[in-house]
N, C-alpha and C. Protein backbone atom coordinates (compact mmCIF):
# COMPACT_ATOMS: atom_id res chain seq x y z
N UNK A 1 154.68 96.00 131.85
CA UNK A 1 156.02 95.48 131.88
C UNK A 1 156.25 94.49 130.52
N UNK A 2 157.19 94.74 129.74
CA UNK A 2 157.38 93.70 128.57
C UNK A 2 158.12 92.52 129.00
N UNK A 3 157.94 91.59 128.30
CA UNK A 3 158.75 90.35 128.30
C UNK A 3 160.27 90.55 127.83
N UNK A 4 161.20 89.86 128.45
CA UNK A 4 162.47 89.91 128.09
C UNK A 4 162.56 88.98 126.82
N UNK A 5 163.21 89.54 125.72
CA UNK A 5 163.34 88.72 124.45
C UNK A 5 164.84 88.42 124.29
N UNK A 6 165.28 87.19 124.23
CA UNK A 6 166.62 86.81 123.98
C UNK A 6 166.85 86.42 122.53
N UNK A 7 168.10 86.52 121.94
CA UNK A 7 168.39 86.17 120.66
C UNK A 7 169.76 85.47 120.92
N UNK A 8 170.03 84.63 119.94
CA UNK A 8 171.20 83.92 119.87
C UNK A 8 172.02 84.36 118.55
N UNK A 9 173.32 84.84 118.66
CA UNK A 9 174.05 85.20 117.36
C UNK A 9 174.10 83.87 116.46
N UNK A 10 173.98 83.89 115.32
CA UNK A 10 174.19 82.72 114.55
C UNK A 10 175.65 82.26 114.41
N UNK A 11 176.44 83.30 114.24
CA UNK A 11 177.93 82.87 114.05
C UNK A 11 178.67 82.45 115.17
N UNK A 12 178.27 82.97 116.44
CA UNK A 12 179.18 82.61 117.56
C UNK A 12 178.37 81.99 118.70
N UNK A 13 176.97 81.96 118.65
CA UNK A 13 176.17 81.29 119.68
C UNK A 13 175.99 82.26 121.03
N UNK A 14 176.51 83.59 120.72
CA UNK A 14 176.40 84.50 121.75
C UNK A 14 175.06 84.91 122.16
N UNK A 15 174.77 84.94 123.53
CA UNK A 15 173.33 85.37 123.90
C UNK A 15 173.15 86.98 124.04
N UNK A 16 172.09 87.43 123.32
CA UNK A 16 171.82 88.82 123.19
C UNK A 16 170.33 89.17 123.75
N UNK A 17 170.23 90.34 124.33
CA UNK A 17 169.00 90.80 124.79
C UNK A 17 168.44 91.88 124.13
N UNK A 18 167.09 91.88 123.74
CA UNK A 18 166.60 93.17 123.10
C UNK A 18 166.10 93.94 123.98
N UNK A 19 166.71 95.27 123.84
CA UNK A 19 166.24 96.47 124.73
C UNK A 19 165.36 97.25 123.94
N UNK A 20 164.01 97.12 124.49
CA UNK A 20 162.98 98.10 123.73
C UNK A 20 163.12 99.59 123.67
N UNK A 21 162.41 100.10 122.81
CA UNK A 21 162.45 101.56 122.85
C UNK A 21 162.01 102.23 124.21
N UNK A 22 162.69 103.40 124.53
CA UNK A 22 162.24 104.06 125.74
C UNK A 22 160.92 104.59 125.65
N UNK A 23 160.17 104.59 126.69
CA UNK A 23 158.75 105.15 126.77
C UNK A 23 158.97 106.63 127.03
N UNK A 24 158.72 107.41 126.07
CA UNK A 24 159.07 108.94 126.01
C UNK A 24 157.93 109.57 126.79
N UNK A 25 156.90 108.86 127.27
CA UNK A 25 155.92 109.63 128.11
C UNK A 25 156.34 109.99 129.44
N UNK A 26 157.49 109.42 129.96
CA UNK A 26 158.10 109.77 131.31
C UNK A 26 159.23 110.76 131.00
N UNK A 27 159.17 111.63 130.14
CA UNK A 27 160.26 112.72 129.87
C UNK A 27 161.03 113.24 131.11
N UNK A 28 160.06 113.64 132.00
CA UNK A 28 160.60 114.11 133.30
C UNK A 28 161.63 113.38 134.08
N UNK A 29 161.48 111.95 133.86
CA UNK A 29 162.51 111.31 134.65
C UNK A 29 163.86 111.16 134.13
N UNK A 30 164.10 111.74 132.82
CA UNK A 30 165.40 111.70 132.24
C UNK A 30 166.31 112.92 132.80
N UNK A 31 167.45 112.74 133.17
CA UNK A 31 168.44 113.86 133.58
C UNK A 31 169.23 114.48 132.41
N UNK A 32 168.94 113.89 131.18
CA UNK A 32 169.69 114.38 130.12
C UNK A 32 168.59 114.74 129.09
N UNK A 33 169.05 115.58 128.15
CA UNK A 33 168.11 116.09 127.19
C UNK A 33 167.41 114.85 126.35
N UNK A 34 166.22 114.94 126.17
CA UNK A 34 165.46 113.97 125.57
C UNK A 34 165.86 113.73 124.03
N UNK A 35 166.27 115.02 123.54
CA UNK A 35 166.92 114.75 122.19
C UNK A 35 168.01 113.95 121.99
N UNK A 36 168.78 113.70 123.14
CA UNK A 36 169.95 112.93 123.04
C UNK A 36 169.66 111.29 123.10
N UNK A 37 168.40 110.96 123.42
CA UNK A 37 167.99 109.55 123.63
C UNK A 37 167.66 109.15 122.15
N UNK A 38 168.01 107.87 121.87
CA UNK A 38 167.81 107.08 120.71
C UNK A 38 166.53 106.28 121.18
N UNK A 39 165.40 106.54 120.44
CA UNK A 39 164.16 105.70 120.99
C UNK A 39 163.98 104.42 119.95
N UNK A 40 165.19 103.91 119.43
CA UNK A 40 165.05 102.70 118.65
C UNK A 40 165.45 101.51 119.47
N UNK A 41 164.86 100.43 119.40
CA UNK A 41 165.27 99.19 120.11
C UNK A 41 166.81 98.69 119.54
N UNK A 42 167.43 98.00 120.51
CA UNK A 42 168.71 97.56 120.03
C UNK A 42 169.00 96.36 120.89
N UNK A 43 169.92 95.50 120.36
CA UNK A 43 170.46 94.32 121.04
C UNK A 43 171.67 94.67 121.82
N UNK A 44 171.86 94.04 123.01
CA UNK A 44 173.08 94.09 123.84
C UNK A 44 173.53 92.75 124.29
N UNK A 45 174.73 92.43 124.50
CA UNK A 45 175.24 91.09 124.95
C UNK A 45 174.81 90.95 126.29
N UNK A 46 174.45 89.61 126.64
CA UNK A 46 173.97 89.34 128.04
C UNK A 46 175.29 89.34 128.99
N UNK A 47 176.40 88.90 128.53
CA UNK A 47 177.60 89.00 129.25
C UNK A 47 178.69 89.66 128.30
N UNK A 48 179.78 89.92 128.96
CA UNK A 48 180.89 90.44 128.36
C UNK A 48 181.54 89.30 127.41
N UNK A 49 182.03 89.75 126.32
CA UNK A 49 182.85 88.67 125.56
C UNK A 49 184.37 88.44 125.83
N UNK A 50 184.53 87.33 126.32
CA UNK A 50 185.95 87.06 126.86
C UNK A 50 186.88 86.71 125.49
N UNK A 51 188.31 86.99 125.86
CA UNK A 51 189.29 86.77 124.83
C UNK A 51 189.10 85.12 124.47
N UNK A 52 188.80 84.21 125.28
CA UNK A 52 188.67 82.87 124.91
C UNK A 52 187.49 82.61 124.00
N UNK A 53 186.37 83.30 124.41
CA UNK A 53 185.13 83.11 123.44
C UNK A 53 185.37 83.79 122.13
N UNK A 54 186.04 84.84 122.14
CA UNK A 54 186.27 85.52 120.77
C UNK A 54 187.39 84.67 120.01
N UNK A 55 188.36 84.10 120.70
CA UNK A 55 189.27 83.21 119.96
C UNK A 55 188.55 82.17 119.27
N UNK A 56 187.62 81.44 119.99
CA UNK A 56 186.88 80.35 119.41
C UNK A 56 186.18 80.90 118.20
N UNK A 57 185.74 82.07 118.04
CA UNK A 57 184.95 82.62 117.02
C UNK A 57 185.97 82.74 115.71
N UNK A 58 187.14 83.49 116.08
CA UNK A 58 187.94 83.59 114.95
C UNK A 58 188.69 82.49 114.36
N UNK A 59 188.73 81.37 115.16
CA UNK A 59 189.35 80.02 114.64
C UNK A 59 188.32 79.17 113.94
N UNK A 60 187.00 79.83 113.96
CA UNK A 60 185.80 79.06 113.19
C UNK A 60 185.89 79.68 111.78
N UNK A 61 185.13 79.02 110.87
CA UNK A 61 184.91 79.30 109.41
C UNK A 61 184.33 80.77 109.39
N UNK A 62 183.48 81.01 110.37
CA UNK A 62 182.81 82.54 110.23
C UNK A 62 183.68 83.53 110.55
N UNK A 63 184.56 83.37 111.51
CA UNK A 63 185.58 84.43 111.96
C UNK A 63 187.01 84.60 111.38
N UNK A 64 187.50 83.50 110.60
CA UNK A 64 188.75 83.39 110.31
C UNK A 64 189.48 84.54 109.54
N UNK A 65 188.56 85.27 108.81
CA UNK A 65 189.20 86.41 108.02
C UNK A 65 189.42 87.58 109.01
N UNK A 66 189.01 87.53 110.30
CA UNK A 66 189.23 88.59 111.32
C UNK A 66 190.36 88.15 112.14
N UNK A 67 191.04 87.20 111.90
CA UNK A 67 192.10 86.66 112.78
C UNK A 67 193.33 87.68 112.84
N UNK A 68 193.83 88.04 113.93
CA UNK A 68 195.09 88.98 113.84
C UNK A 68 196.28 88.33 112.80
N UNK A 69 196.35 87.06 112.78
CA UNK A 69 197.23 86.72 111.72
C UNK A 69 196.92 87.15 110.30
N UNK A 70 195.77 87.27 109.82
CA UNK A 70 195.39 87.66 108.52
C UNK A 70 195.50 89.21 108.42
N UNK A 71 194.78 89.94 109.50
CA UNK A 71 194.57 91.20 109.40
C UNK A 71 195.87 92.01 109.61
N UNK A 72 196.78 91.57 110.51
CA UNK A 72 197.94 92.31 110.63
C UNK A 72 198.93 92.21 109.55
N UNK A 73 198.87 90.96 108.96
CA UNK A 73 199.78 90.71 107.73
C UNK A 73 199.34 91.75 106.64
N UNK A 74 198.09 92.07 106.42
CA UNK A 74 197.75 93.16 105.48
C UNK A 74 198.27 94.39 105.82
N UNK A 75 198.35 94.81 106.93
CA UNK A 75 198.83 96.11 107.38
C UNK A 75 200.36 96.16 107.44
N UNK A 76 200.82 95.29 108.13
CA UNK A 76 202.28 95.47 108.42
C UNK A 76 203.19 94.90 107.32
N UNK A 77 202.66 93.92 106.64
CA UNK A 77 203.62 93.34 105.46
C UNK A 77 202.85 93.70 104.07
N UNK A 78 201.75 94.20 103.97
CA UNK A 78 201.18 94.59 102.74
C UNK A 78 200.66 93.35 102.08
N UNK A 79 200.41 92.30 102.76
CA UNK A 79 199.97 90.90 102.15
C UNK A 79 198.61 90.97 102.37
N UNK A 80 197.68 90.83 101.47
CA UNK A 80 196.28 90.66 101.68
C UNK A 80 195.88 89.13 101.61
N UNK A 81 195.73 88.78 103.09
CA UNK A 81 195.21 87.40 103.25
C UNK A 81 193.88 87.32 103.71
N UNK A 82 193.12 88.57 103.81
CA UNK A 82 191.82 88.55 104.38
C UNK A 82 190.89 89.63 103.68
N UNK A 83 189.88 89.07 103.42
CA UNK A 83 188.90 90.17 102.78
C UNK A 83 188.39 91.00 103.79
N UNK A 84 188.56 90.85 105.03
CA UNK A 84 188.19 91.62 106.03
C UNK A 84 189.10 92.71 106.54
N UNK A 85 190.29 92.66 106.09
CA UNK A 85 191.41 93.41 106.49
C UNK A 85 191.16 94.84 106.53
N UNK A 86 190.42 95.46 105.60
CA UNK A 86 190.10 96.82 105.49
C UNK A 86 189.02 97.12 106.53
N UNK A 87 188.51 96.26 107.20
CA UNK A 87 187.55 96.59 108.23
C UNK A 87 188.10 96.63 109.53
N UNK A 88 189.44 96.48 109.76
CA UNK A 88 190.12 96.64 111.08
C UNK A 88 191.38 97.17 110.85
N UNK A 89 192.25 97.18 111.76
CA UNK A 89 193.52 97.82 111.53
C UNK A 89 194.69 97.14 112.28
N UNK A 90 195.93 97.54 112.18
CA UNK A 90 197.06 96.92 112.78
C UNK A 90 197.02 96.62 114.23
N UNK A 91 195.96 97.30 115.05
CA UNK A 91 195.92 97.09 116.38
C UNK A 91 194.92 95.95 116.80
N UNK A 92 194.40 95.17 115.62
CA UNK A 92 193.38 94.24 116.04
C UNK A 92 193.82 93.22 116.92
N UNK A 93 193.21 93.18 118.10
CA UNK A 93 193.63 92.24 119.35
C UNK A 93 195.03 92.46 119.73
N UNK A 94 195.35 93.69 119.85
CA UNK A 94 196.67 94.28 120.16
C UNK A 94 197.36 93.52 121.25
N UNK A 95 196.69 92.96 122.44
CA UNK A 95 197.33 92.55 123.56
C UNK A 95 197.43 90.93 123.40
N UNK A 96 197.06 90.45 122.36
CA UNK A 96 197.27 88.93 122.13
C UNK A 96 198.72 88.78 121.93
N UNK A 97 199.22 87.62 122.35
CA UNK A 97 200.61 87.31 122.09
C UNK A 97 200.83 86.39 121.05
N UNK A 98 202.03 86.69 120.45
CA UNK A 98 202.51 85.82 119.24
C UNK A 98 203.11 84.41 119.80
N UNK A 99 202.79 83.41 119.14
CA UNK A 99 203.26 82.06 119.53
C UNK A 99 203.66 81.44 118.19
N UNK A 100 204.79 80.71 118.20
CA UNK A 100 205.03 80.01 117.08
C UNK A 100 204.56 78.49 117.25
N UNK A 101 203.75 78.25 116.17
CA UNK A 101 202.93 76.92 116.10
C UNK A 101 203.08 76.41 114.77
N UNK A 102 203.74 75.23 114.50
CA UNK A 102 204.04 74.54 113.27
C UNK A 102 204.63 75.45 112.27
N UNK A 103 205.73 76.16 112.66
CA UNK A 103 206.39 77.08 111.79
C UNK A 103 205.50 78.26 111.24
N UNK A 104 204.53 78.61 112.05
CA UNK A 104 203.89 79.83 111.70
C UNK A 104 203.57 80.63 112.80
N UNK A 105 203.32 81.86 112.81
CA UNK A 105 203.06 82.76 114.02
C UNK A 105 201.43 82.80 114.28
N UNK A 106 201.14 82.51 115.33
CA UNK A 106 199.65 82.57 115.83
C UNK A 106 199.54 83.44 116.99
N UNK A 107 198.59 84.36 116.87
CA UNK A 107 198.23 85.24 118.00
C UNK A 107 197.17 84.64 118.89
N UNK A 108 197.45 84.71 120.32
CA UNK A 108 196.39 84.29 121.25
C UNK A 108 196.46 84.92 122.41
N UNK A 109 195.42 85.00 123.22
CA UNK A 109 195.43 85.71 124.46
C UNK A 109 196.32 84.99 125.46
N UNK A 110 196.87 85.71 126.39
CA UNK A 110 197.76 85.06 127.43
C UNK A 110 196.94 84.17 128.29
N UNK A 111 197.53 83.26 128.90
CA UNK A 111 196.89 82.27 129.71
C UNK A 111 196.00 82.98 130.94
N UNK A 112 196.59 84.13 131.41
CA UNK A 112 196.21 84.84 132.51
C UNK A 112 195.04 85.86 131.96
N UNK A 113 194.81 86.07 130.70
CA UNK A 113 193.70 87.05 130.26
C UNK A 113 192.69 86.32 129.43
N UNK A 114 192.56 84.98 129.38
CA UNK A 114 191.69 84.22 128.63
C UNK A 114 190.16 84.56 129.01
N UNK A 115 190.05 84.83 130.32
CA UNK A 115 188.69 85.29 130.83
C UNK A 115 188.39 86.58 131.01
N UNK A 116 189.46 87.43 130.52
CA UNK A 116 189.19 88.96 130.62
C UNK A 116 188.31 89.44 129.35
N UNK A 117 187.63 90.50 129.38
CA UNK A 117 186.97 90.87 128.23
C UNK A 117 187.83 91.30 127.04
N UNK A 118 187.46 90.85 125.77
CA UNK A 118 188.29 91.13 124.61
C UNK A 118 188.30 92.61 124.30
N UNK A 119 189.54 93.12 124.00
CA UNK A 119 189.66 94.55 123.54
C UNK A 119 190.38 94.65 122.35
N UNK A 120 190.25 95.94 121.80
CA UNK A 120 190.85 96.17 120.37
C UNK A 120 190.14 95.34 119.39
N UNK A 121 188.94 95.40 119.32
CA UNK A 121 188.10 94.68 118.20
C UNK A 121 187.37 95.88 117.49
N UNK A 122 187.40 95.76 116.15
CA UNK A 122 186.76 96.92 115.40
C UNK A 122 185.29 96.68 115.37
N UNK A 123 184.63 97.63 115.16
CA UNK A 123 183.03 97.59 115.14
C UNK A 123 182.60 96.62 114.05
N UNK A 124 183.30 96.48 112.89
CA UNK A 124 182.98 95.40 111.97
C UNK A 124 183.11 93.93 112.52
N UNK A 125 184.37 93.89 113.28
CA UNK A 125 184.51 92.53 113.80
C UNK A 125 183.57 92.18 114.94
N UNK A 126 183.05 93.18 115.62
CA UNK A 126 182.01 92.97 116.65
C UNK A 126 180.76 92.57 116.11
N UNK A 127 180.41 93.38 115.01
CA UNK A 127 179.11 92.98 114.19
C UNK A 127 179.13 91.69 113.65
N UNK A 128 180.36 91.12 113.22
CA UNK A 128 180.44 89.86 112.64
C UNK A 128 180.22 88.81 113.75
N UNK A 129 180.83 89.21 114.89
CA UNK A 129 180.69 88.25 115.99
C UNK A 129 179.13 88.11 116.47
N UNK A 130 178.52 89.08 116.40
CA UNK A 130 176.99 89.19 116.95
C UNK A 130 176.18 88.95 115.79
N UNK A 131 176.50 88.68 114.60
CA UNK A 131 175.70 88.42 113.51
C UNK A 131 174.80 87.08 113.70
């Protein structure tokens, strides 16, 4: 049995676990075609990423270009305020609600969904979070 190896994402402090390659010597144990199995190691989050945790990330220097204020402006208004806008779409954090704060619109998860898993995040945004 291999030791469990933990990693911490540099940008978000998120805990990740290394999943080692599958031992292909036990092919008969698989119920799917062995050709469908990727035998490369990969990292997976130890816990689901909540709206609250993701909001902290996009309010930081590392994630600010992925904020819905910047990415949605690029799509809906044609204003390029984010170098990352091309790596997401107008549905970025779709269920977050708009709030007026200091004469500007800020998107945030509703109070009752702060501890729910974050949804409508692009692959690029997820990779930035886990970097």
